[in-house]
PDB file of N, CA and C in Angstrom:
ATOM      1  N   MET A   1     -28.141 -87.491  -9.924  1.00  0.00           N
ATOM      2  CA  MET A   1     -29.220 -87.529  -8.959  1.00  0.00           C
ATOM      3  C   MET A   1     -29.558 -86.097  -8.573  1.00  0.00           C
ATOM      4  N   SER A   2     -30.821 -85.845  -8.325  1.00  0.00           N
ATOM      5  CA  SER A   2     -31.244 -84.482  -8.029  1.00  0.00           C
ATOM      6  C   SER A   2     -30.663 -83.999  -6.698  1.00  0.00           C
ATOM      7  N   ASP A   3     -30.458 -82.695  -6.611  1.00  0.00           N
ATOM      8  CA  ASP A   3     -29.927 -82.100  -5.391  1.00  0.00           C
ATOM      9  C   ASP A   3     -30.854 -82.325  -4.212  1.00  0.00           C
ATOM     10  N   PHE A   4     -32.162 -82.362  -4.470  1.00  0.00           N
ATOM     11  CA  PHE A   4     -33.136 -82.588  -3.404  1.00  0.00           C
ATOM     12  C   PHE A   4     -32.891 -83.930  -2.721  1.00  0.00           C
ATOM     13  N   LEU A   5     -32.713 -84.983  -3.535  1.00  0.00           N
ATOM     14  CA  LEU A   5     -32.494 -86.313  -2.956  1.00  0.00           C
ATOM     15  C   LEU A   5     -31.172 -86.386  -2.204  1.00  0.00           C
ATOM     16  N   LYS A   6     -30.155 -85.723  -2.724  1.00  0.00           N
ATOM     17  CA  LYS A   6     -28.867 -85.682  -2.021  1.00  0.00           C
ATOM     18  C   LYS A   6     -29.034 -84.992  -0.675  1.00  0.00           C
ATOM     19  N   ALA A   7     -29.784 -83.883  -0.671  1.00  0.00           N
ATOM     20  CA  ALA A   7     -30.012 -83.137   0.563  1.00  0.00           C
ATOM     21  C   ALA A   7     -30.787 -83.964   1.588  1.00  0.00           C
ATOM     22  N   MET A   8     -31.648 -84.850   1.107  1.00  0.00           N
ATOM     23  CA  MET A   8     -32.433 -85.700   2.001  1.00  0.00           C
ATOM     24  C   MET A   8     -31.625 -86.910   2.483  1.00  0.00           C
ATOM     25  N   GLY A   9     -30.385 -87.038   1.995  1.00  0.00           N
ATOM     26  CA  GLY A   9     -29.537 -88.131   2.448  1.00  0.00           C
ATOM     27  C   GLY A   9     -29.704 -89.419   1.668  1.00  0.00           C
ATOM     28  N   PHE A  10     -30.423 -89.380   0.541  1.00  0.00           N
ATOM     29  CA  PHE A  10     -30.608 -90.583  -0.268  1.00  0.00           C
ATOM     30  C   PHE A  10     -29.343 -90.846  -1.069  1.00  0.00           C
ATOM     31  N   THR A  11     -28.719 -91.978  -0.838  1.00  0.00           N
ATOM     32  CA  THR A  11     -27.546 -92.370  -1.610  1.00  0.00           C
ATOM     33  C   THR A  11     -27.721 -93.826  -2.016  1.00  0.00           C
ATOM     34  N   PRO A  12     -27.922 -94.067  -3.299  1.00  0.00           N
ATOM     35  CA  PRO A  12     -28.109 -95.446  -3.748  1.00  0.00           C
ATOM     36  C   PRO A  12     -26.833 -96.257  -3.591  1.00  0.00           C
ATOM     37  N   GLN A  13     -27.004 -97.559  -3.406  1.00  0.00           N
ATOM     38  CA  GLN A  13     -25.869 -98.461  -3.293  1.00  0.00           C
ATOM     39  C   GLN A  13     -25.135 -98.513  -4.635  1.00  0.00           C
ATOM     40  N   PRO A  14     -23.833 -98.174  -4.661  1.00  0.00           N
ATOM     41  CA  PRO A  14     -23.104 -98.209  -5.931  1.00  0.00           C
ATOM     42  C   PRO A  14     -22.976 -99.633  -6.485  1.00  0.00           C
ATOM     43  N   ILE A  15     -23.061 -99.757  -7.797  1.00  0.00           N
ATOM     44  CA  ILE A  15     -22.901-101.033  -8.481  1.00  0.00           C
ATOM     45  C   ILE A  15     -21.904-100.808  -9.615  1.00  0.00           C
ATOM     46  N   ALA A  16     -20.841-101.599  -9.631  1.00  0.00           N
ATOM     47  CA  ALA A  16     -19.837-101.479 -10.691  1.00  0.00           C
ATOM     48  C   ALA A  16     -20.367-102.118 -11.963  1.00  0.00           C
ATOM     49  N   GLY A  17     -19.912-101.631 -13.079  1.00  0.00           N
ATOM     50  CA  GLY A  17     -20.386-102.131 -14.364  1.00  0.00           C
ATOM     51  C   GLY A  17     -19.270-102.665 -15.202  1.00  0.00           C
ATOM     52  N   PRO A  18     -19.475-102.753 -16.472  1.00  0.00           N
ATOM     53  CA  PRO A  18     -20.592-102.169 -17.203  1.00  0.00           C
ATOM     54  C   PRO A  18     -21.908-102.896 -16.926  1.00  0.00           C
ATOM     55  N   LEU A  19     -22.969-102.119 -16.944  1.00  0.00           N
ATOM     56  CA  LEU A  19     -24.306-102.633 -16.696  1.00  0.00           C
ATOM     57  C   LEU A  19     -25.167-102.446 -17.939  1.00  0.00           C
ATOM     58  N   LYS A  20     -25.867-103.499 -18.313  1.00  0.00           N
ATOM     59  CA  LYS A  20     -26.800-103.392 -19.438  1.00  0.00           C
ATOM     60  C   LYS A  20     -27.990-102.550 -19.008  1.00  0.00           C
ATOM     61  N   VAL A  21     -28.504-101.755 -19.947  1.00  0.00           N
ATOM     62  CA  VAL A  21     -29.668-100.908 -19.690  1.00  0.00           C
ATOM     63  C   VAL A  21     -30.798-101.366 -20.606  1.00  0.00           C
ATOM     64  N   PHE A  22     -31.958-101.577 -20.000  1.00  0.00           N
ATOM     65  CA  PHE A  22     -33.150-101.968 -20.745  1.00  0.00           C
ATOM     66  C   PHE A  22     -34.220-100.902 -20.539  1.00  0.00           C
ATOM     67  N   GLN A  23     -34.980-100.658 -21.601  1.00  0.00           N
ATOM     68  CA  GLN A  23     -36.121 -99.758 -21.522  1.00  0.00           C
ATOM     69  C   GLN A  23     -37.248-100.398 -22.315  1.00  0.00           C
ATOM     70  N   ARG A  24     -38.393-100.530 -21.675  1.00  0.00           N
ATOM     71  CA  ARG A  24     -39.545-101.197 -22.313  1.00  0.00           C
ATOM     72  C   ARG A  24     -39.146-102.577 -22.857  1.00  0.00           C
ATOM     73  N   ASP A  25     -38.366-103.318 -22.071  1.00  0.00           N
ATOM     74  CA  ASP A  25     -37.889-104.663 -22.413  1.00  0.00           C
ATOM     75  C   ASP A  25     -36.980-104.709 -23.630  1.00  0.00           C
ATOM     76  N   GLN A  26     -36.433-103.580 -24.042  1.00  0.00           N
ATOM     77  CA  GLN A  26     -35.471-103.544 -25.136  1.00  0.00           C
ATOM     78  C   GLN A  26     -34.107-103.147 -24.581  1.00  0.00           C
ATOM     79  N   TYR A  27     -33.074-103.835 -25.052  1.00  0.00           N
ATOM     80  CA  TYR A  27     -31.704-103.504 -24.680  1.00  0.00           C
ATOM     81  C   TYR A  27     -31.313-102.227 -25.408  1.00  0.00           C
ATOM     82  N   VAL A  28     -30.956-101.168 -24.642  1.00  0.00           N
ATOM     83  CA  VAL A  28     -30.634 -99.883 -25.268  1.00  0.00           C
ATOM     84  C   VAL A  28     -29.155 -99.524 -25.169  1.00  0.00           C
ATOM     85  N   GLY A  29     -28.382-100.237 -24.348  1.00  0.00           N
ATOM     86  CA  GLY A  29     -26.963 -99.950 -24.243  1.00  0.00           C
ATOM     87  C   GLY A  29     -26.408-100.318 -22.884  1.00  0.00           C
ATOM     88  N   THR A  30     -25.227 -99.771 -22.569  1.00  0.00           N
ATOM     89  CA  THR A  30     -24.594-100.031 -21.274  1.00  0.00           C
ATOM     90  C   THR A  30     -24.135 -98.723 -20.645  1.00  0.00           C
ATOM     91  N   VAL A  31     -24.008 -98.768 -19.330  1.00  0.00           N
ATOM     92  CA  VAL A  31     -23.429 -97.657 -18.568  1.00  0.00           C
ATOM     93  C   VAL A  31     -22.304 -98.235 -17.710  1.00  0.00           C
ATOM     94  N   PRO A  32     -21.322 -97.401 -17.341  1.00  0.00           N
ATOM     95  CA  PRO A  32     -20.179 -97.927 -16.597  1.00  0.00           C
ATOM     96  C   PRO A  32     -20.484 -98.308 -15.148  1.00  0.00           C
ATOM     97  N   ALA A  33     -21.516 -97.715 -14.560  1.00  0.00           N
ATOM     98  CA  ALA A  33     -21.808 -97.984 -13.152  1.00  0.00           C
ATOM     99  C   ALA A  33     -23.167 -97.390 -12.777  1.00  0.00           C
ATOM    100  N   PHE A  34     -23.597 -97.745 -11.584  1.00  0.00           N
ATOM    101  CA  PHE A  34     -24.802 -97.170 -10.986  1.00  0.00           C
ATOM    102  C   PHE A  34     -24.384 -96.600  -9.641  1.00  0.00           C
ATOM    103  N   PRO A  35     -24.805 -95.406  -9.253  1.00  0.00           N
ATOM    104  CA  PRO A  35     -25.778 -94.555  -9.920  1.00  0.00           C
ATOM    105  C   PRO A  35     -25.235 -93.943 -11.211  1.00  0.00           C
ATOM    106  N   VAL A  36     -26.162 -93.653 -12.090  1.00  0.00           N
ATOM    107  CA  VAL A  36     -25.875 -93.077 -13.399  1.00  0.00           C
ATOM    108  C   VAL A  36     -25.631 -91.579 -13.234  1.00  0.00           C
ATOM    109  N   VAL A  37     -24.682 -91.048 -14.018  1.00  0.00           N
ATOM    110  CA  VAL A  37     -24.320 -89.629 -13.936  1.00  0.00           C
ATOM    111  C   VAL A  37     -24.541 -88.972 -15.291  1.00  0.00           C
ATOM    112  N   SER A  38     -25.139 -87.796 -15.276  1.00  0.00           N
ATOM    113  CA  SER A  38     -25.347 -87.034 -16.508  1.00  0.00           C
ATOM    114  C   SER A  38     -24.165 -86.105 -16.750  1.00  0.00           C
ATOM    115  N   THR A  39     -23.861 -85.877 -18.013  1.00  0.00           N
ATOM    116  CA  THR A  39     -22.792 -84.948 -18.388  1.00  0.00           C
ATOM    117  C   THR A  39     -23.363 -83.634 -18.891  1.00  0.00           C
ATOM    118  N   SER A  40     -24.659 -83.451 -18.777  1.00  0.00           N
ATOM    119  CA  SER A  40     -25.307 -82.285 -19.359  1.00  0.00           C
ATOM    120  C   SER A  40     -26.293 -81.641 -18.382  1.00  0.00           C
ATOM    121  N   PHE A  41     -26.421 -80.334 -18.511  1.00  0.00           N
ATOM    122  CA  PHE A  41     -27.420 -79.623 -17.713  1.00  0.00           C
ATOM    123  C   PHE A  41     -28.831 -79.914 -18.213  1.00  0.00           C
ATOM    124  N   ILE A  42     -28.958 -80.396 -19.424  1.00  0.00           N
ATOM    125  CA  ILE A  42     -30.269 -80.617 -20.027  1.00  0.00           C
ATOM    126  C   ILE A  42     -30.956 -81.863 -19.470  1.00  0.00           C
ATOM    127  N   PHE A  43     -30.196 -82.790 -18.902  1.00  0.00           N
ATOM    128  CA  PHE A  43     -30.773 -84.025 -18.354  1.00  0.00           C
ATOM    129  C   PHE A  43     -30.249 -84.233 -16.946  1.00  0.00           C
ATOM    130  N   ASP A  44     -31.129 -84.129 -15.979  1.00  0.00           N
ATOM    131  CA  ASP A  44     -30.800 -84.355 -14.572  1.00  0.00           C
ATOM    132  C   ASP A  44     -31.329 -85.729 -14.187  1.00  0.00           C
ATOM    133  N   VAL A  45     -30.449 -86.626 -13.817  1.00  0.00           N
ATOM    134  CA  VAL A  45     -30.854 -87.984 -13.453  1.00  0.00           C
ATOM    135  C   VAL A  45     -31.628 -87.929 -12.144  1.00  0.00           C
ATOM    136  N   ARG A  46     -32.844 -88.484 -12.164  1.00  0.00           N
ATOM    137  CA  ARG A  46     -33.680 -88.552 -10.966  1.00  0.00           C
ATOM    138  C   ARG A  46     -33.586 -89.942 -10.356  1.00  0.00           C
ATOM    139  N   ALA A  47     -33.964 -90.051  -9.104  1.00  0.00           N
ATOM    140  CA  ALA A  47     -33.824 -91.314  -8.378  1.00  0.00           C
ATOM    141  C   ALA A  47     -34.577 -92.463  -9.030  1.00  0.00           C
ATOM    142  N   ASP A  48     -35.693 -92.187  -9.693  1.00  0.00           N
ATOM    143  CA  ASP A  48     -36.488 -93.274 -10.272  1.00  0.00           C
ATOM    144  C   ASP A  48     -36.230 -93.482 -11.763  1.00  0.00           C
ATOM    145  N   ASP A  49     -35.206 -92.818 -12.319  1.00  0.00           N
ATOM    146  CA  ASP A  49     -34.904 -92.973 -13.745  1.00  0.00           C
ATOM    147  C   ASP A  49     -34.294 -94.343 -14.067  1.00  0.00           C
ATOM    148  N   PHE A  50     -33.515 -94.893 -13.155  1.00  0.00           N
ATOM    149  CA  PHE A  50     -32.862 -96.181 -13.367  1.00  0.00           C
ATOM    150  C   PHE A  50     -33.002 -97.030 -12.111  1.00  0.00           C
ATOM    151  N   LYS A  51     -33.468 -98.251 -12.303  1.00  0.00           N
ATOM    152  CA  LYS A  51     -33.641 -99.163 -11.165  1.00  0.00           C
ATOM    153  C   LYS A  51     -32.879-100.457 -11.444  1.00  0.00           C
ATOM    154  N   PRO A  52     -32.010-100.864 -10.509  1.00  0.00           N
ATOM    155  CA  PRO A  52     -31.312-102.139 -10.674  1.00  0.00           C
ATOM    156  C   PRO A  52     -32.287-103.303 -10.551  1.00  0.00           C
ATOM    157  N   GLU A  53     -32.036-104.336 -11.345  1.00  0.00           N
ATOM    158  CA  GLU A  53     -32.880-105.533 -11.326  1.00  0.00           C
ATOM    159  C   GLU A  53     -32.016-106.730 -11.719  1.00  0.00           C
ATOM    160  N   GLU A  54     -32.327-107.882 -11.168  1.00  0.00           N
ATOM    161  CA  GLU A  54     -31.619-109.109 -11.534  1.00  0.00           C
ATOM    162  C   GLU A  54     -32.328-109.759 -12.713  1.00  0.00           C
ATOM    163  N   ARG A  55     -31.547-110.057 -13.769  1.00  0.00           N
ATOM    164  CA  ARG A  55     -32.080-110.764 -14.944  1.00  0.00           C
ATOM    165  C   ARG A  55     -31.053-111.800 -15.377  1.00  0.00           C
ATOM    166  N   ASP A  56     -31.488-113.030 -15.441  1.00  0.00           N
ATOM    167  CA  ASP A  56     -30.614-114.111 -15.898  1.00  0.00           C
ATOM    168  C   ASP A  56     -29.281-114.134 -15.154  1.00  0.00           C
ATOM    169  N   GLY A  57     -29.336-113.901 -13.860  1.00  0.00           N
ATOM    170  CA  GLY A  57     -28.139-113.984 -13.020  1.00  0.00           C
ATOM    171  C   GLY A  57     -27.215-112.783 -13.063  1.00  0.00           C
ATOM    172  N   GLU A  58     -27.611-111.708 -13.711  1.00  0.00           N
ATOM    173  CA  GLU A  58     -26.774-110.503 -13.718  1.00  0.00           C
ATOM    174  C   GLU A  58     -27.619-109.282 -13.360  1.00  0.00           C
ATOM    175  N   THR A  59     -26.946-108.289 -12.802  1.00  0.00           N
ATOM    176  CA  THR A  59     -27.622-107.046 -12.465  1.00  0.00           C
ATOM    177  C   THR A  59     -27.682-106.169 -13.703  1.00  0.00           C
ATOM    178  N   VAL A  60     -28.877-105.696 -14.026  1.00  0.00           N
ATOM    179  CA  VAL A  60     -29.094-104.783 -15.141  1.00  0.00           C
ATOM    180  C   VAL A  60     -29.837-103.562 -14.613  1.00  0.00           C
ATOM    181  N   LEU A  61     -29.914-102.526 -15.416  1.00  0.00           N
ATOM    182  CA  LEU A  61     -30.681-101.345 -15.043  1.00  0.00           C
ATOM    183  C   LEU A  61     -31.907-101.235 -15.931  1.00  0.00           C
ATOM    184  N   ILE A  62     -33.025-100.931 -15.310  1.00  0.00           N
ATOM    185  CA  ILE A  62     -34.267-100.704 -16.026  1.00  0.00           C
ATOM    186  C   ILE A  62     -34.474 -99.190 -16.080  1.00  0.00           C
ATOM    187  N   ALA A  63     -34.506 -98.655 -17.301  1.00  0.00           N
ATOM    188  CA  ALA A  63     -34.673 -97.215 -17.497  1.00  0.00           C
ATOM    189  C   ALA A  63     -36.152 -96.864 -17.549  1.00  0.00           C
ATOM    190  N   SER A  64     -36.487 -95.763 -16.955  1.00  0.00           N
ATOM    191  CA  SER A  64     -37.853 -95.255 -16.989  1.00  0.00           C
ATOM    192  C   SER A  64     -38.282 -95.019 -18.436  1.00  0.00           C
ATOM    193  N   PRO A  65     -39.542 -95.284 -18.751  1.00  0.00           N
ATOM    194  CA  PRO A  65     -40.026 -94.996 -20.108  1.00  0.00           C
ATOM    195  C   PRO A  65     -40.024 -93.497 -20.423  1.00  0.00           C
ATOM    196  N   MET A  66     -39.858 -92.674 -19.405  1.00  0.00           N
ATOM    197  CA  MET A  66     -39.847 -91.222 -19.602  1.00  0.00           C
ATOM    198  C   MET A  66     -38.508 -90.721 -20.149  1.00  0.00           C
ATOM    199  N   ILE A  67     -37.476 -91.548 -20.139  1.00  0.00           N
ATOM    200  CA  ILE A  67     -36.162 -91.135 -20.630  1.00  0.00           C
ATOM    201  C   ILE A  67     -36.152 -91.243 -22.148  1.00  0.00           C
ATOM    202  N   GLY A  68     -35.803 -90.148 -22.806  1.00  0.00           N
ATOM    203  CA  GLY A  68     -35.780 -90.126 -24.262  1.00  0.00           C
ATOM    204  C   GLY A  68     -34.406 -90.456 -24.815  1.00  0.00           C
ATOM    205  N   PRO A  69     -34.326 -90.727 -26.118  1.00  0.00           N
ATOM    206  CA  PRO A  69     -33.048 -91.067 -26.742  1.00  0.00           C
ATOM    207  C   PRO A  69     -31.965 -90.011 -26.510  1.00  0.00           C
ATOM    208  N   GLY A  70     -32.338 -88.747 -26.544  1.00  0.00           N
ATOM    209  CA  GLY A  70     -31.368 -87.684 -26.294  1.00  0.00           C
ATOM    210  C   GLY A  70     -30.847 -87.691 -24.875  1.00  0.00           C
ATOM    211  N   ASP A  71     -31.666 -88.162 -23.931  1.00  0.00           N
ATOM    212  CA  ASP A  71     -31.226 -88.248 -22.539  1.00  0.00           C
ATOM    213  C   ASP A  71     -30.135 -89.296 -22.381  1.00  0.00           C
ATOM    214  N   PHE A  72     -30.282 -90.434 -23.056  1.00  0.00           N
ATOM    215  CA  PHE A  72     -29.247 -91.469 -22.984  1.00  0.00           C
ATOM    216  C   PHE A  72     -27.916 -90.914 -23.484  1.00  0.00           C
ATOM    217  N   GLU A  73     -27.972 -90.050 -24.493  1.00  0.00           N
ATOM    218  CA  GLU A  73     -26.757 -89.470 -25.058  1.00  0.00           C
ATOM    219  C   GLU A  73     -26.025 -88.593 -24.038  1.00  0.00           C
ATOM    220  N   CYS A  74     -26.718 -88.128 -23.007  1.00  0.00           N
ATOM    221  CA  CYS A  74     -26.122 -87.257 -21.989  1.00  0.00           C
ATOM    222  C   CYS A  74     -25.536 -88.025 -20.811  1.00  0.00           C
ATOM    223  N   ILE A  75     -25.662 -89.332 -20.800  1.00  0.00           N
ATOM    224  CA  ILE A  75     -25.183 -90.137 -19.673  1.00  0.00           C
ATOM    225  C   ILE A  75     -23.697 -90.427 -19.831  1.00  0.00           C
ATOM    226  N   ALA A  76     -22.938 -90.151 -18.773  1.00  0.00           N
ATOM    227  CA  ALA A  76     -21.492 -90.384 -18.795  1.00  0.00           C
ATOM    228  C   ALA A  76     -21.197 -91.856 -19.058  1.00  0.00           C
ATOM    229  N   GLY A  77     -20.406 -92.112 -20.085  1.00  0.00           N
ATOM    230  CA  GLY A  77     -19.976 -93.470 -20.391  1.00  0.00           C
ATOM    231  C   GLY A  77     -20.998 -94.357 -21.063  1.00  0.00           C
ATOM    232  N   PHE A  78     -22.151 -93.792 -21.464  1.00  0.00           N
ATOM    233  CA  PHE A  78     -23.170 -94.604 -22.122  1.00  0.00           C
ATOM    234  C   PHE A  78     -22.638 -95.117 -23.453  1.00  0.00           C
ATOM    235  N   ARG A  79     -22.895 -96.393 -23.717  1.00  0.00           N
ATOM    236  CA  ARG A  79     -22.511 -97.004 -24.997  1.00  0.00           C
ATOM    237  C   ARG A  79     -23.740 -97.643 -25.607  1.00  0.00           C
ATOM    238  N   HIS A  80     -23.875 -97.477 -26.904  1.00  0.00           N
ATOM    239  CA  HIS A  80     -24.982 -98.077 -27.642  1.00  0.00           C
ATOM    240  C   HIS A  80     -24.794 -99.590 -27.727  1.00  0.00           C
ATOM    241  N   PRO A  81     -25.850-100.332 -28.065  1.00  0.00           N
ATOM    242  CA  PRO A  81     -25.739-101.793 -28.172  1.00  0.00           C
ATOM    243  C   PRO A  81     -24.627-102.266 -29.115  1.00  0.00           C
ATOM    244  N   ASN A  82     -24.305-101.464 -30.126  1.00  0.00           N
ATOM    245  CA  ASN A  82     -23.236-101.852 -31.048  1.00  0.00           C
ATOM    246  C   ASN A  82     -21.849-101.525 -30.501  1.00  0.00           C
ATOM    247  N   GLY A  83     -21.795-100.973 -29.285  1.00  0.00           N
ATOM    248  CA  GLY A  83     -20.522-100.646 -28.639  1.00  0.00           C
ATOM    249  C   GLY A  83     -20.052 -99.232 -28.862  1.00  0.00           C
ATOM    250  N   GLY A  84     -20.740 -98.493 -29.739  1.00  0.00           N
ATOM    251  CA  GLY A  84     -20.342 -97.116 -30.028  1.00  0.00           C
ATOM    252  C   GLY A  84     -20.628 -96.182 -28.868  1.00  0.00           C
ATOM    253  N   GLU A  85     -19.732 -95.228 -28.672  1.00  0.00           N
ATOM    254  CA  GLU A  85     -19.916 -94.250 -27.601  1.00  0.00           C
ATOM    255  C   GLU A  85     -21.039 -93.286 -27.951  1.00  0.00           C
ATOM    256  N   ALA A  86     -21.738 -92.863 -26.925  1.00  0.00           N
ATOM    257  CA  ALA A  86     -22.803 -91.875 -27.118  1.00  0.00           C
ATOM    258  C   ALA A  86     -22.174 -90.522 -27.417  1.00  0.00           C
ATOM    259  N   ARG A  87     -22.868 -89.758 -28.213  1.00  0.00           N
ATOM    260  CA  ARG A  87     -22.458 -88.390 -28.507  1.00  0.00           C
ATOM    261  C   ARG A  87     -23.642 -87.492 -28.199  1.00  0.00           C
ATOM    262  N   LYS A  88     -23.380 -86.484 -27.364  1.00  0.00           N
ATOM    263  CA  LYS A  88     -24.459 -85.565 -27.026  1.00  0.00           C
ATOM    264  C   LYS A  88     -25.040 -84.960 -28.287  1.00  0.00           C
ATOM    265  N   GLY A  89     -26.345 -84.867 -28.324  1.00  0.00           N
ATOM    266  CA  GLY A  89     -27.022 -84.257 -29.463  1.00  0.00           C
ATOM    267  C   GLY A  89     -26.777 -82.761 -29.526  1.00  0.00           C
ATOM    268  N   ASP A  90     -27.156 -82.187 -30.641  1.00  0.00           N
ATOM    269  CA  ASP A  90     -26.937 -80.756 -30.866  1.00  0.00           C
ATOM    270  C   ASP A  90     -27.657 -79.894 -29.832  1.00  0.00           C
ATOM    271  N   MET A  91     -28.879 -80.268 -29.463  1.00  0.00           N
ATOM    272  CA  MET A  91     -29.634 -79.470 -28.491  1.00  0.00           C
ATOM    273  C   MET A  91     -28.951 -79.483 -27.132  1.00  0.00           C
ATOM    274  N   ALA A  92     -28.508 -80.645 -26.666  1.00  0.00           N
ATOM    275  CA  ALA A  92     -27.837 -80.736 -25.363  1.00  0.00           C
ATOM    276  C   ALA A  92     -26.534 -79.952 -25.385  1.00  0.00           C
ATOM    277  N   THR A  93     -25.784 -80.073 -26.458  1.00  0.00           N
ATOM    278  CA  THR A  93     -24.521 -79.338 -26.574  1.00  0.00           C
ATOM    279  C   THR A  93     -24.771 -77.840 -26.560  1.00  0.00           C
ATOM    280  N   MET A  94     -25.763 -77.376 -27.332  1.00  0.00           N
ATOM    281  CA  MET A  94     -26.089 -75.957 -27.380  1.00  0.00           C
ATOM    282  C   MET A  94     -26.525 -75.453 -25.997  1.00  0.00           C
ATOM    283  N   PHE A  95     -27.359 -76.215 -25.323  1.00  0.00           N
ATOM    284  CA  PHE A  95     -27.842 -75.824 -24.004  1.00  0.00           C
ATOM    285  C   PHE A  95     -26.681 -75.723 -23.019  1.00  0.00           C
ATOM    286  N   ASP A  96     -25.772 -76.707 -23.041  1.00  0.00           N
ATOM    287  CA  ASP A  96     -24.624 -76.689 -22.132  1.00  0.00           C
ATOM    288  C   ASP A  96     -23.730 -75.476 -22.385  1.00  0.00           C
ATOM    289  N   VAL A  97     -23.537 -75.106 -23.647  1.00  0.00           N
ATOM    290  CA  VAL A  97     -22.735 -73.932 -23.987  1.00  0.00           C
ATOM    291  C   VAL A  97     -23.411 -72.673 -23.452  1.00  0.00           C
ATOM    292  N   MET A  98     -24.727 -72.586 -23.590  1.00  0.00           N
ATOM    293  CA  MET A  98     -25.467 -71.418 -23.095  1.00  0.00           C
ATOM    294  C   MET A  98     -25.371 -71.309 -21.578  1.00  0.00           C
ATOM    295  N   VAL A  99     -25.499 -72.424 -20.888  1.00  0.00           N
ATOM    296  CA  VAL A  99     -25.407 -72.418 -19.426  1.00  0.00           C
ATOM    297  C   VAL A  99     -23.999 -72.012 -18.992  1.00  0.00           C
ATOM    298  N   ALA A 100     -22.981 -72.559 -19.635  1.00  0.00           N
ATOM    299  CA  ALA A 100     -21.596 -72.201 -19.292  1.00  0.00           C
ATOM    300  C   ALA A 100     -21.333 -70.717 -19.539  1.00  0.00           C
ATOM    301  N   ALA A 101     -21.867 -70.188 -20.636  1.00  0.00           N
ATOM    302  CA  ALA A 101     -21.693 -68.769 -20.952  1.00  0.00           C
ATOM    303  C   ALA A 101     -22.394 -67.893 -19.909  1.00  0.00           C
ATOM    304  N   ALA A 102     -23.583 -68.305 -19.503  1.00  0.00           N
ATOM    305  CA  ALA A 102     -24.320 -67.541 -18.495  1.00  0.00           C
ATOM    306  C   ALA A 102     -23.584 -67.545 -17.162  1.00  0.00           C
ATOM    307  N   LYS A 103     -23.017 -68.697 -16.792  1.00  0.00           N
ATOM    308  CA  LYS A 103     -22.244 -68.781 -15.542  1.00  0.00           C
ATOM    309  C   LYS A 103     -20.992 -67.900 -15.623  1.00  0.00           C
ATOM    310  N   ALA A 104     -20.314 -67.936 -16.765  1.00  0.00           N
ATOM    311  CA  ALA A 104     -19.098 -67.143 -16.934  1.00  0.00           C
ATOM    312  C   ALA A 104     -19.384 -65.653 -16.886  1.00  0.00           C
ATOM    313  N   SER A 105     -20.532 -65.239 -17.409  1.00  0.00           N
ATOM    314  CA  SER A 105     -20.864 -63.810 -17.423  1.00  0.00           C
ATOM    315  C   SER A 105     -21.202 -63.291 -16.032  1.00  0.00           C
ATOM    316  N   LYS A 106     -21.562 -64.186 -15.113  1.00  0.00           N
ATOM    317  CA  LYS A 106     -21.895 -63.771 -13.748  1.00  0.00           C
ATOM    318  C   LYS A 106     -20.653 -63.630 -12.868  1.00  0.00           C
ATOM    319  N   GLN A 107     -19.529 -64.121 -13.349  1.00  0.00           N
ATOM    320  CA  GLN A 107     -18.294 -64.069 -12.527  1.00  0.00           C
ATOM    321  C   GLN A 107     -17.603 -62.769 -12.671  1.00  0.00           C
TER     322      GLN A 107
END
């Protein structure tokens, strides 16, 4: 969740998972809980990126159409529909290494 929303006191109600994630009415995978947490500097989860919804008697998350496939790969604990764990793409990994190096050089 963005630092701005945290500063404004917005804290979504936690929901334990695993939770199915749908985007454009397609099942894209599962996450361990809500709110969703990113593992990468390249993708910052915003308040409107995932919305809980009841479907067929269970709570699921509806992902914004603005979230790309690489963004899902940056979500902590994200699993694909086949059960496979997400792996950060090369761009996200490279960006995270650059950010870590920049932080280390400032110390």
